[in-house]
Amino acid sequence: MNATTELGTAPVHHLLWKYALPAIIAMTASSLYNIVDSIYIGHGVGALALGALTVAKPFMDICAAFGSLVGVGASSLLAIYLGERDYEKANRVLGNVIVLNIILSAIVMMVGLVWIEPILYAFGASEATIVYAREYMEIILYGNILTHIYFGLNSMLRSAGHPRFSMTATIVAVGINIVLDPIFIFGFGMGVRGAALATVISQAVAVVWQLTRFMDKSELVRFHRGIWVLDRNITKRALAIGMAPFLYNIAHCFVVIIINNQLKRYGGDLAIASYGVINRMTFVFAMMVMGLNQGMQPIAGFNYGAKQYHRMLRSFYLTSLYATIVMGMVFVLGECIPEQVTRLFTHDPDLIAGTVTPMRIICSSMLVVGFQMVTGNLFTSIGMAGKSIFLSLTRQVLYLIPLLLVIPSLFAEPLDGVWWSIPISDLMAAVTAAVMLWIQIGQFHRLIKEQEAWITSTPPEPD
């Protein structure tokens, strides 16, 4: 009870660090695992295997999209119900998360396994990379149910007031993964299959760890009878709120498909591998911003539900500032030492030479990316599904896809046009987010003034 009520009373900057720091540590550890995984595969299997992981990534993102549809939406709804002090509905949200994740992940697994090769070819696989990509994704799909439950329960833990426990679950998964990776890849000679198997096993252990918290009878939000039947209203609201990150991930998958195919057309498999290196470098810092967003989410959601709009806005302002600082680091690394960053992933001289310029191009817009991410998360956190969905689609669908299809033909080297499409869309999306935010903040300030006027006009109650 104390862990949730403090969201409406403790200083906002203290709460943000209390909730965000564990999430940042967890997300950074997770992203560092992805880098270590890529380093093992890049050096131990080869550049083509690294390219295959880039091809498989949109496939994994589709799986993650269905997880975020349930997990992010339900965790935002949980925070709002806790702010409204509706603890019965908060507990039913927990049960609905488990049931929905099992249903959706099973469907994704079966469809993915049946159509695995056509999907991978559509995502940019070639005859040289399809074997690696298929071997990796088969194991990931078999473990898809565990992945969905793992991410869903982690989101619920943060909204239920246990950010450190959520962090610990992630670190447990990452630590086991990093230990198992070299054993399976090198010791057992399993290659990319070993990397995928290590991922699934580590998430299974983390799920067991998470379940222990929600089985604790002293917890306000916990497992008990009566929460496992799907509630139509809760399911509808959770899916509506989660639709924004879901559509963002789906749109991102289609964008990566187009990018991979354009890179394959104009630059070949090595260009796709270059994109994979850049993605993994920027991914580390983007995950830090996602950690900040995860820390902001329960604070903004709770205070929105409690009608404490000034606290909600302060959490947004602080998160935006820190996110801009984090993505500024990406800008510096990408512009100043791109070759050294690339050498972390590969010793292939052709891949190193082909990654330096694209990294500088893509990182040129990073100073505005953090702000755009936090603004979209604000609308998700307070349940404004329509606005959140629109913002999540502007960069991917409204701007980036048309640019990817049109700009390459305007360049003497079409491959340069593919690279430049990415930062241009980032800048356009940031401007759109700023306009929507300015309008919404004006509405919140009017609500704050109305509250202040009501307080000053209401006579005090007699003793």
Protein backbone atom coordinates (compact mmCIF):
# COMPACT_ATOMS: atom_id res chain seq x y z
CA MET A 1 0.00 0.00 0.00
CA ASN A 2 2.78 2.44 0.93
CA ALA A 3 4.63 1.66 -2.32
CA THR A 4 1.66 2.80 -4.38
CA THR A 5 0.35 5.76 -2.35
CA GLU A 6 3.78 7.44 -2.37
CA LEU A 7 3.27 7.98 -6.11
CA GLY A 8 0.89 10.78 -5.22
CA THR A 9 2.76 12.32 -2.28
CA ALA A 10 6.56 11.94 -2.51
CA PRO A 11 8.68 14.54 -4.38
CA VAL A 12 8.47 13.86 -8.12
CA HIS A 13 12.22 13.99 -8.80
CA HIS A 14 12.79 11.47 -6.00
CA LEU A 15 10.06 9.18 -7.37
CA LEU A 16 11.36 9.42 -10.93
CA TRP A 17 14.82 8.25 -9.92
CA LYS A 18 13.42 5.64 -7.58
CA TYR A 19 11.33 4.12 -10.38
CA ALA A 20 13.48 4.99 -13.39
CA LEU A 21 16.93 4.03 -12.08
CA PRO A 22 16.09 0.33 -11.61
CA ALA A 23 14.40 0.34 -15.03
CA ILE A 24 17.40 2.06 -16.62
CA ILE A 25 19.77 -0.46 -15.05
CA ALA A 26 17.56 -3.31 -16.21
CA MET A 27 17.09 -1.97 -19.74
CA THR A 28 20.78 -1.11 -20.08
CA ALA A 29 21.73 -4.58 -18.90
CA SER A 30 19.29 -6.03 -21.42
CA SER A 31 20.70 -3.93 -24.25
CA LEU A 32 24.26 -4.76 -23.25
CA TYR A 33 23.29 -8.41 -23.47
CA ASN A 34 22.16 -7.80 -27.06
CA ILE A 35 25.52 -6.21 -27.79
CA VAL A 36 27.42 -9.09 -26.16
CA ASP A 37 25.23 -11.54 -28.07
CA SER A 38 26.07 -9.76 -31.33
CA ILE A 39 29.78 -9.68 -30.48
CA TYR A 40 29.79 -13.43 -29.80
CA ILE A 41 27.97 -14.16 -33.05
CA GLY A 42 29.89 -11.60 -35.13
CA HIS A 43 33.29 -12.89 -34.02
CA GLY A 44 32.35 -16.54 -33.48
CA VAL A 45 30.06 -17.25 -36.44
CA GLY A 46 30.70 -14.42 -38.91
CA ALA A 47 29.41 -11.26 -40.60
CA LEU A 48 26.64 -13.15 -42.44
CA ALA A 49 25.28 -14.46 -39.13
CA LEU A 50 25.31 -10.89 -37.81
CA GLY A 51 23.35 -9.85 -40.89
CA ALA A 52 20.93 -12.72 -40.26
CA LEU A 53 20.20 -11.35 -36.77
CA THR A 54 19.38 -7.99 -38.36
CA VAL A 55 16.97 -9.78 -40.72
CA ALA A 56 15.41 -11.69 -37.81
CA LYS A 57 14.98 -8.56 -35.67
CA PRO A 58 11.71 -7.35 -37.25
CA PHE A 59 10.33 -10.86 -36.77
CA MET A 60 11.23 -10.63 -33.08
CA ASP A 61 9.74 -7.13 -32.97
CA ILE A 62 6.41 -8.48 -34.20
CA CYS A 63 6.44 -11.00 -31.35
CA ALA A 64 7.34 -8.18 -28.93
CA ALA A 65 4.56 -6.01 -30.39
CA PHE A 66 1.88 -8.43 -29.20
CA GLY A 67 3.56 -8.53 -25.79
CA SER A 68 3.55 -4.73 -25.54
CA LEU A 69 -0.10 -4.66 -26.67
CA VAL A 70 -0.98 -6.44 -23.42
CA GLY A 71 1.85 -5.53 -21.03
CA VAL A 72 2.16 -1.77 -21.59
CA GLY A 73 -1.58 -1.22 -21.80
CA ALA A 74 -2.32 -3.25 -18.68
CA SER A 75 0.46 -1.66 -16.62
CA SER A 76 -0.78 1.84 -17.50
CA LEU A 77 -4.32 0.77 -16.57
CA LEU A 78 -3.06 -0.73 -13.31
CA ALA A 79 -1.41 2.58 -12.34
CA ILE A 80 -4.60 4.50 -13.14
CA TYR A 81 -6.76 2.12 -11.04
CA LEU A 82 -4.32 2.38 -8.14
CA GLY A 83 -4.52 6.17 -8.39
CA GLU A 84 -8.32 5.87 -8.27
CA ARG A 85 -7.99 3.44 -5.30
CA ASP A 86 -9.95 0.76 -7.16
CA TYR A 87 -7.91 -2.21 -5.88
CA GLU A 88 -10.37 -4.89 -7.00
CA LYS A 89 -9.99 -3.88 -10.64
CA ALA A 90 -6.22 -3.54 -10.20
CA ASN A 91 -6.02 -7.21 -9.20
CA ARG A 92 -8.21 -8.29 -12.10
CA VAL A 93 -5.81 -6.48 -14.46
CA LEU A 94 -3.02 -8.77 -13.21
CA GLY A 95 -4.98 -11.95 -14.00
CA ASN A 96 -6.03 -10.63 -17.40
CA VAL A 97 -2.40 -9.92 -18.31
CA ILE A 98 -1.43 -13.57 -17.83
CA VAL A 99 -4.42 -14.98 -19.73
CA LEU A 100 -4.15 -12.56 -22.67
CA ASN A 101 -0.40 -13.10 -22.99
CA ILE A 102 -0.82 -16.87 -23.12
CA ILE A 103 -3.52 -16.64 -25.82
CA LEU A 104 -1.76 -14.11 -28.05
CA SER A 105 1.72 -15.60 -27.71
CA ALA A 106 0.44 -19.08 -28.62
CA ILE A 107 -1.19 -17.71 -31.77
CA VAL A 108 1.98 -15.81 -32.76
CA MET A 109 4.13 -18.89 -32.16
CA MET A 110 2.01 -21.18 -34.34
CA VAL A 111 1.67 -18.70 -37.21
CA GLY A 112 5.37 -17.85 -37.07
CA LEU A 113 6.54 -21.46 -37.17
CA VAL A 114 4.28 -22.31 -40.12
CA TRP A 115 5.35 -19.32 -42.23
CA ILE A 116 8.89 -18.82 -40.94
CA GLU A 117 10.85 -18.93 -44.21
CA PRO A 118 8.51 -16.75 -46.32
CA ILE A 119 8.46 -14.18 -43.49
CA LEU A 120 12.26 -14.11 -43.22
CA TYR A 121 12.69 -13.75 -46.98
CA ALA A 122 10.18 -10.88 -46.92
CA PHE A 123 12.24 -9.27 -44.15
CA GLY A 124 15.36 -9.22 -46.31
CA ALA A 125 16.96 -12.65 -45.91
CA SER A 126 19.08 -13.97 -48.76
CA GLU A 127 20.23 -17.47 -49.64
CA ALA A 128 23.38 -16.73 -47.64
CA THR A 129 21.60 -15.62 -44.44
CA ILE A 130 18.33 -17.60 -44.39
CA VAL A 131 19.84 -20.63 -42.62
CA TYR A 132 21.15 -18.58 -39.71
CA ALA A 133 17.96 -16.52 -39.42
CA ARG A 134 15.70 -19.60 -39.46
CA GLU A 135 17.76 -21.46 -36.87
CA TYR A 136 17.63 -18.48 -34.53
CA MET A 137 13.91 -17.69 -34.91
CA GLU A 138 12.67 -21.28 -34.54
CA ILE A 139 13.95 -21.43 -30.95
CA ILE A 140 12.78 -17.90 -30.15
CA LEU A 141 9.26 -18.77 -31.35
CA TYR A 142 9.09 -21.95 -29.24
CA GLY A 143 9.84 -19.80 -26.18
CA ASN A 144 7.46 -17.00 -27.16
CA ILE A 145 4.94 -17.64 -24.36
CA LEU A 146 7.66 -17.25 -21.74
CA THR A 147 8.87 -14.04 -23.40
CA HIS A 148 5.41 -12.46 -23.32
CA ILE A 149 4.77 -13.37 -19.69
CA TYR A 150 8.25 -12.15 -18.69
CA PHE A 151 7.80 -8.69 -20.22
CA GLY A 152 4.17 -8.42 -19.10
CA LEU A 153 4.91 -9.21 -15.45
CA ASN A 154 7.88 -6.85 -15.43
CA SER A 155 5.61 -3.98 -16.50
CA MET A 156 3.10 -4.93 -13.80
CA LEU A 157 5.80 -5.03 -11.12
CA ARG A 158 6.78 -1.42 -11.85
CA SER A 159 3.20 -0.16 -11.76
CA ALA A 160 2.55 -2.12 -8.55
CA GLY A 161 5.35 -0.24 -6.80
CA HIS A 162 8.23 -2.73 -7.15
CA PRO A 163 10.71 -1.21 -9.62
CA ARG A 164 13.71 -2.82 -7.91
CA PHE A 165 12.17 -6.28 -8.07
CA SER A 166 11.48 -5.71 -11.76
CA MET A 167 15.10 -4.66 -12.23
CA THR A 168 16.32 -7.76 -10.42
CA ALA A 169 14.24 -10.01 -12.67
CA THR A 170 15.82 -8.44 -15.75
CA ILE A 171 19.34 -8.65 -14.35
CA VAL A 172 18.79 -12.31 -13.46
CA ALA A 173 17.70 -12.99 -17.06
CA VAL A 174 20.57 -11.01 -18.56
CA GLY A 175 23.18 -12.56 -16.27
CA ILE A 176 22.10 -16.12 -17.05
CA ASN A 177 21.96 -15.25 -20.75
CA ILE A 178 25.49 -13.87 -20.85
CA VAL A 179 26.84 -16.91 -19.02
CA LEU A 180 25.03 -19.41 -21.26
CA ASP A 181 25.84 -17.65 -24.56
CA PRO A 182 29.53 -18.64 -24.89
CA ILE A 183 28.79 -22.11 -23.46
CA PHE A 184 26.16 -22.85 -26.11
CA ILE A 185 27.75 -20.93 -29.01
CA PHE A 186 31.38 -22.02 -28.57
CA GLY A 187 31.40 -24.87 -26.03
CA PHE A 188 28.57 -26.89 -27.60
CA GLY A 189 29.14 -25.52 -31.11
CA MET A 190 25.48 -24.55 -31.49
CA GLY A 191 26.10 -21.20 -33.22
CA VAL A 192 23.05 -18.93 -33.49
CA ARG A 193 20.80 -21.68 -32.11
CA GLY A 194 22.82 -21.55 -28.91
CA ALA A 195 22.27 -17.81 -28.60
CA ALA A 196 18.50 -18.24 -29.00
CA LEU A 197 18.34 -21.13 -26.53
CA ALA A 198 20.26 -19.11 -23.93
CA THR A 199 17.68 -16.32 -24.31
CA VAL A 200 14.69 -18.63 -23.75
CA ILE A 201 16.22 -20.40 -20.73
CA SER A 202 17.15 -17.13 -19.03
CA GLN A 203 13.63 -15.73 -19.47
CA ALA A 204 12.11 -18.92 -18.02
CA VAL A 205 14.16 -18.48 -14.85
CA ALA A 206 13.15 -14.81 -14.63
CA VAL A 207 9.44 -15.69 -14.93
CA VAL A 208 9.72 -18.03 -11.93
CA TRP A 209 11.37 -15.19 -10.00
CA GLN A 210 8.56 -12.76 -10.91
CA LEU A 211 5.81 -15.18 -9.93
CA THR A 212 7.12 -15.37 -6.36
CA ARG A 213 6.31 -11.69 -5.82
CA PHE A 214 2.73 -11.92 -7.06
CA MET A 215 2.15 -15.04 -4.96
CA ASP A 216 3.01 -13.12 -1.77
CA LYS A 217 -0.22 -12.73 0.25
CA SER A 218 1.01 -9.49 1.81
CA GLU A 219 1.00 -7.74 -1.57
CA LEU A 220 -1.79 -5.34 -2.54
CA VAL A 221 -1.69 -6.65 -6.13
CA ARG A 222 -1.36 -10.45 -6.18
CA PHE A 223 -2.69 -13.71 -7.59
CA HIS A 224 -5.93 -15.04 -6.08
CA ARG A 225 -9.19 -16.61 -7.16
CA GLY A 226 -11.54 -14.64 -9.35
CA ILE A 227 -8.97 -12.68 -11.37
CA TRP A 228 -8.41 -15.19 -14.18
CA VAL A 229 -11.65 -14.70 -16.11
CA LEU A 230 -11.22 -12.13 -18.86
CA ASP A 231 -13.01 -8.90 -17.97
CA ARG A 232 -14.41 -7.27 -21.11
CA ASN A 233 -13.98 -3.70 -19.88
CA ILE A 234 -10.45 -4.23 -18.57
CA THR A 235 -9.40 -6.12 -21.70
CA LYS A 236 -10.86 -3.45 -23.97
CA ARG A 237 -9.19 -0.57 -22.10
CA ALA A 238 -5.84 -2.33 -21.76
CA LEU A 239 -5.73 -3.21 -25.45
CA ALA A 240 -6.78 0.33 -26.41
CA ILE A 241 -3.98 1.87 -24.33
CA GLY A 242 -1.48 -0.76 -25.50
CA MET A 243 -2.45 -0.23 -29.14
CA ALA A 244 0.01 2.67 -29.47
CA PRO A 245 3.19 0.71 -28.63
CA PHE A 246 1.74 -2.26 -30.54
CA LEU A 247 1.23 -0.26 -33.72
CA TYR A 248 4.61 1.43 -33.20
CA ASN A 249 6.33 -1.96 -33.08
CA ILE A 250 4.36 -3.30 -36.05
CA ALA A 251 5.10 -0.16 -38.05
CA HIS A 252 8.75 -0.43 -37.02
CA CYS A 253 8.80 -4.00 -38.32
CA PHE A 254 7.50 -2.94 -41.72
CA VAL A 255 9.97 -0.06 -41.78
CA VAL A 256 12.85 -2.44 -41.04
CA ILE A 257 11.57 -4.74 -43.80
CA ILE A 258 11.68 -1.83 -46.26
CA ILE A 259 15.08 -0.67 -44.96
CA ASN A 260 16.52 -4.19 -45.20
CA ASN A 261 15.19 -4.67 -48.72
CA GLN A 262 16.41 -1.24 -49.85
CA LEU A 263 19.82 -1.92 -48.29
CA LYS A 264 19.88 -5.35 -49.90
CA ARG A 265 18.99 -3.77 -53.27
CA TYR A 266 21.56 -0.99 -53.16
CA GLY A 267 24.27 -2.34 -50.84
CA GLY A 268 23.87 -6.10 -50.33
CA ASP A 269 24.21 -8.22 -47.19
CA LEU A 270 27.06 -6.11 -45.77
CA ALA A 271 24.88 -2.98 -45.82
CA ILE A 272 22.27 -4.87 -43.79
CA ALA A 273 25.00 -5.93 -41.36
CA SER A 274 26.08 -2.27 -41.06
CA TYR A 275 22.53 -1.29 -40.16
CA GLY A 276 22.56 -4.04 -37.53
CA VAL A 277 25.72 -2.63 -35.95
CA ILE A 278 24.30 0.91 -35.85
CA ASN A 279 21.00 -0.34 -34.43
CA ARG A 280 22.74 -2.18 -31.63
CA MET A 281 24.82 0.86 -30.70
CA THR A 282 21.83 3.22 -30.62
CA PHE A 283 19.70 0.53 -28.98
CA VAL A 284 21.73 0.72 -25.76
CA PHE A 285 20.87 4.38 -25.26
CA ALA A 286 17.30 4.06 -26.54
CA MET A 287 16.80 1.40 -23.88
CA MET A 288 18.00 3.89 -21.25
CA VAL A 289 15.31 6.28 -22.45
CA MET A 290 12.79 3.45 -22.31
CA GLY A 291 13.92 2.91 -18.73
CA LEU A 292 13.21 6.57 -18.00
CA ASN A 293 9.80 6.16 -19.67
CA GLN A 294 9.07 3.10 -17.55
CA GLY A 295 9.94 5.09 -14.45
CA MET A 296 7.70 7.97 -15.52
CA GLN A 297 4.75 5.76 -16.49
CA PRO A 298 3.41 4.79 -13.03
CA ILE A 299 4.02 8.32 -11.70
CA ALA A 300 2.17 10.00 -14.58
CA GLY A 301 -0.60 7.39 -14.64
CA PHE A 302 -1.22 7.48 -10.87
CA ASN A 303 -1.28 11.28 -10.65
CA TYR A 304 -3.47 11.58 -13.73
CA GLY A 305 -5.93 9.18 -12.09
CA ALA A 306 -5.69 11.21 -8.87
CA LYS A 307 -6.19 14.48 -10.84
CA GLN A 308 -2.83 15.84 -9.63
CA TYR A 309 -1.92 17.24 -13.04
CA HIS A 310 0.96 19.42 -11.88
CA ARG A 311 2.80 16.35 -10.57
CA MET A 312 2.11 14.46 -13.77
CA LEU A 313 3.56 17.31 -15.88
CA ARG A 314 6.63 17.65 -13.67
CA SER A 315 7.40 13.96 -14.18
CA PHE A 316 7.19 14.53 -17.94
CA TYR A 317 9.47 17.60 -17.92
CA LEU A 318 12.17 15.88 -15.90
CA THR A 319 12.02 12.73 -18.03
CA SER A 320 12.31 14.75 -21.25
CA LEU A 321 15.40 16.54 -19.94
CA TYR A 322 17.17 13.33 -18.95
CA ALA A 323 16.17 11.59 -22.21
CA THR A 324 17.69 14.42 -24.26
CA ILE A 325 20.96 14.12 -22.33
CA VAL A 326 21.07 10.35 -22.91
CA MET A 327 20.46 10.57 -26.65
CA GLY A 328 23.02 13.37 -26.81
CA MET A 329 25.60 10.74 -25.89
CA VAL A 330 24.59 8.74 -28.98
CA PHE A 331 25.10 11.84 -31.08
CA VAL A 332 28.63 12.33 -29.72
CA LEU A 333 29.66 8.67 -30.15
CA GLY A 334 28.21 8.34 -33.63
CA GLU A 335 29.75 11.56 -34.91
CA CYS A 336 33.16 11.36 -33.21
CA ILE A 337 34.23 7.69 -32.98
CA PRO A 338 32.08 5.59 -35.38
CA GLU A 339 34.98 3.36 -36.45
CA GLN A 340 35.92 2.45 -32.89
CA VAL A 341 32.29 1.64 -32.08
CA THR A 342 32.02 -0.63 -35.14
CA ARG A 343 35.18 -2.53 -34.21
CA LEU A 344 33.45 -3.73 -31.05
CA PHE A 345 31.17 -5.88 -33.21
CA THR A 346 33.40 -7.16 -35.98
CA HIS A 347 36.93 -7.47 -37.32
CA ASP A 348 35.71 -7.57 -40.96
CA PRO A 349 37.45 -4.58 -42.69
CA ASP A 350 34.74 -4.22 -45.34
CA LEU A 351 31.98 -4.07 -42.73
CA ILE A 352 33.93 -1.52 -40.65
CA ALA A 353 34.55 0.72 -43.67
CA GLY A 354 30.93 0.51 -44.76
CA THR A 355 29.50 1.45 -41.35
CA VAL A 356 31.34 4.69 -40.49
CA THR A 357 29.46 7.11 -42.77
CA PRO A 358 25.98 5.59 -42.21
CA MET A 359 26.50 5.81 -38.45
CA ARG A 360 27.32 9.51 -38.69
CA ILE A 361 24.23 10.12 -40.84
CA ILE A 362 21.79 8.23 -38.60
CA CYS A 363 23.16 9.72 -35.35
CA SER A 364 22.83 13.29 -36.64
CA SER A 365 19.20 13.50 -35.40
CA MET A 366 19.62 11.82 -32.02
CA LEU A 367 19.31 15.05 -30.01
CA VAL A 368 15.52 15.16 -30.70
CA VAL A 369 14.74 11.43 -30.55
CA GLY A 370 14.56 11.27 -26.74
CA PHE A 371 11.99 14.06 -26.55
CA GLN A 372 9.82 12.37 -29.18
CA MET A 373 9.93 9.04 -27.31
CA VAL A 374 8.97 10.61 -23.96
CA THR A 375 6.11 12.62 -25.46
CA GLY A 376 4.55 9.51 -26.95
CA ASN A 377 4.95 7.71 -23.63
CA LEU A 378 3.15 10.52 -21.78
CA PHE A 379 -0.02 9.98 -23.80
CA THR A 380 0.26 6.21 -23.30
CA SER A 381 0.77 6.59 -19.53
CA ILE A 382 -2.40 8.62 -19.01
CA GLY A 383 -4.59 6.44 -21.25
CA MET A 384 -4.96 8.85 -24.21
CA ALA A 385 -4.86 6.01 -26.70
CA GLY A 386 -5.79 7.93 -29.85
CA LYS A 387 -3.09 10.57 -29.48
CA SER A 388 -0.52 8.00 -28.47
CA ILE A 389 -1.35 5.85 -31.50
CA PHE A 390 -1.07 8.83 -33.85
CA LEU A 391 2.32 9.83 -32.45
CA SER A 392 3.60 6.27 -32.59
CA LEU A 393 2.76 6.09 -36.30
CA THR A 394 3.97 9.50 -37.48
CA ARG A 395 7.67 8.68 -37.67
CA GLN A 396 7.28 5.15 -39.01
CA VAL A 397 4.32 5.32 -41.39
CA LEU A 398 3.63 8.96 -42.17
CA TYR A 399 7.25 10.03 -42.66
CA LEU A 400 9.85 7.26 -42.84
CA ILE A 401 8.19 4.81 -45.25
CA PRO A 402 7.50 7.43 -47.97
CA LEU A 403 11.02 8.85 -47.53
CA LEU A 404 12.60 5.40 -47.88
CA LEU A 405 10.73 4.83 -51.13
CA VAL A 406 11.32 8.27 -52.67
CA ILE A 407 14.63 9.74 -51.45
CA PRO A 408 17.05 7.04 -52.75
CA SER A 409 16.14 7.92 -56.35
CA LEU A 410 17.15 11.55 -55.70
CA PHE A 411 20.73 10.67 -54.72
CA ALA A 412 23.62 9.87 -57.06
CA GLU A 413 24.31 6.98 -54.65
CA PRO A 414 20.85 5.58 -53.76
CA LEU A 415 22.30 3.85 -50.68
CA ASP A 416 23.02 7.30 -49.17
CA GLY A 417 19.34 8.18 -49.66
CA VAL A 418 18.32 5.15 -47.59
CA TRP A 419 20.55 6.28 -44.73
CA TRP A 420 19.40 9.93 -44.86
CA SER A 421 15.72 8.94 -44.75
CA ILE A 422 16.11 7.92 -41.11
CA PRO A 423 17.28 11.22 -39.50
CA ILE A 424 14.96 13.32 -41.66
CA SER A 425 11.94 11.34 -40.42
CA ASP A 426 13.19 11.72 -36.82
CA LEU A 427 13.21 15.51 -37.15
CA MET A 428 9.74 15.62 -38.71
CA ALA A 429 8.31 13.34 -36.01
CA ALA A 430 9.83 15.51 -33.24
CA VAL A 431 8.15 18.63 -34.66
CA THR A 432 4.80 16.82 -34.78
CA ALA A 433 5.20 15.66 -31.17
CA ALA A 434 6.06 19.20 -30.04
CA VAL A 435 2.89 20.64 -31.59
CA MET A 436 0.62 18.00 -30.03
CA LEU A 437 2.33 18.41 -26.66
CA TRP A 438 1.92 22.18 -26.69
CA ILE A 439 -1.84 21.83 -27.26
CA GLN A 440 -2.22 19.16 -24.55
CA ILE A 441 -0.20 21.05 -21.94
CA GLY A 442 -2.48 24.05 -22.48
CA GLN A 443 -5.48 21.87 -21.63
CA PHE A 444 -3.81 20.56 -18.48
CA HIS A 445 -2.96 24.08 -17.30
CA ARG A 446 -6.62 25.07 -17.69
CA LEU A 447 -7.62 22.09 -15.53
CA ILE A 448 -5.07 23.11 -12.89
CA LYS A 449 -6.44 26.68 -12.82
CA GLU A 450 -9.99 25.36 -12.44
CA GLN A 451 -8.89 23.22 -9.48
CA GLU A 452 -7.15 26.19 -7.86
CA ALA A 453 -10.20 28.39 -8.37
CA TRP A 454 -12.48 25.75 -6.84
CA ILE A 455 -10.20 25.38 -3.81
CA THR A 456 -10.05 29.12 -3.14
CA SER A 457 -13.82 29.54 -3.57
CA THR A 458 -14.78 26.63 -1.31
CA PRO A 459 -15.27 27.68 2.35
CA PRO A 460 -13.46 25.61 4.96
CA GLU A 461 -15.44 22.98 6.84
CA PRO A 462 -16.39 23.93 10.44
CA ASP A 463 -14.38 22.35 13.25
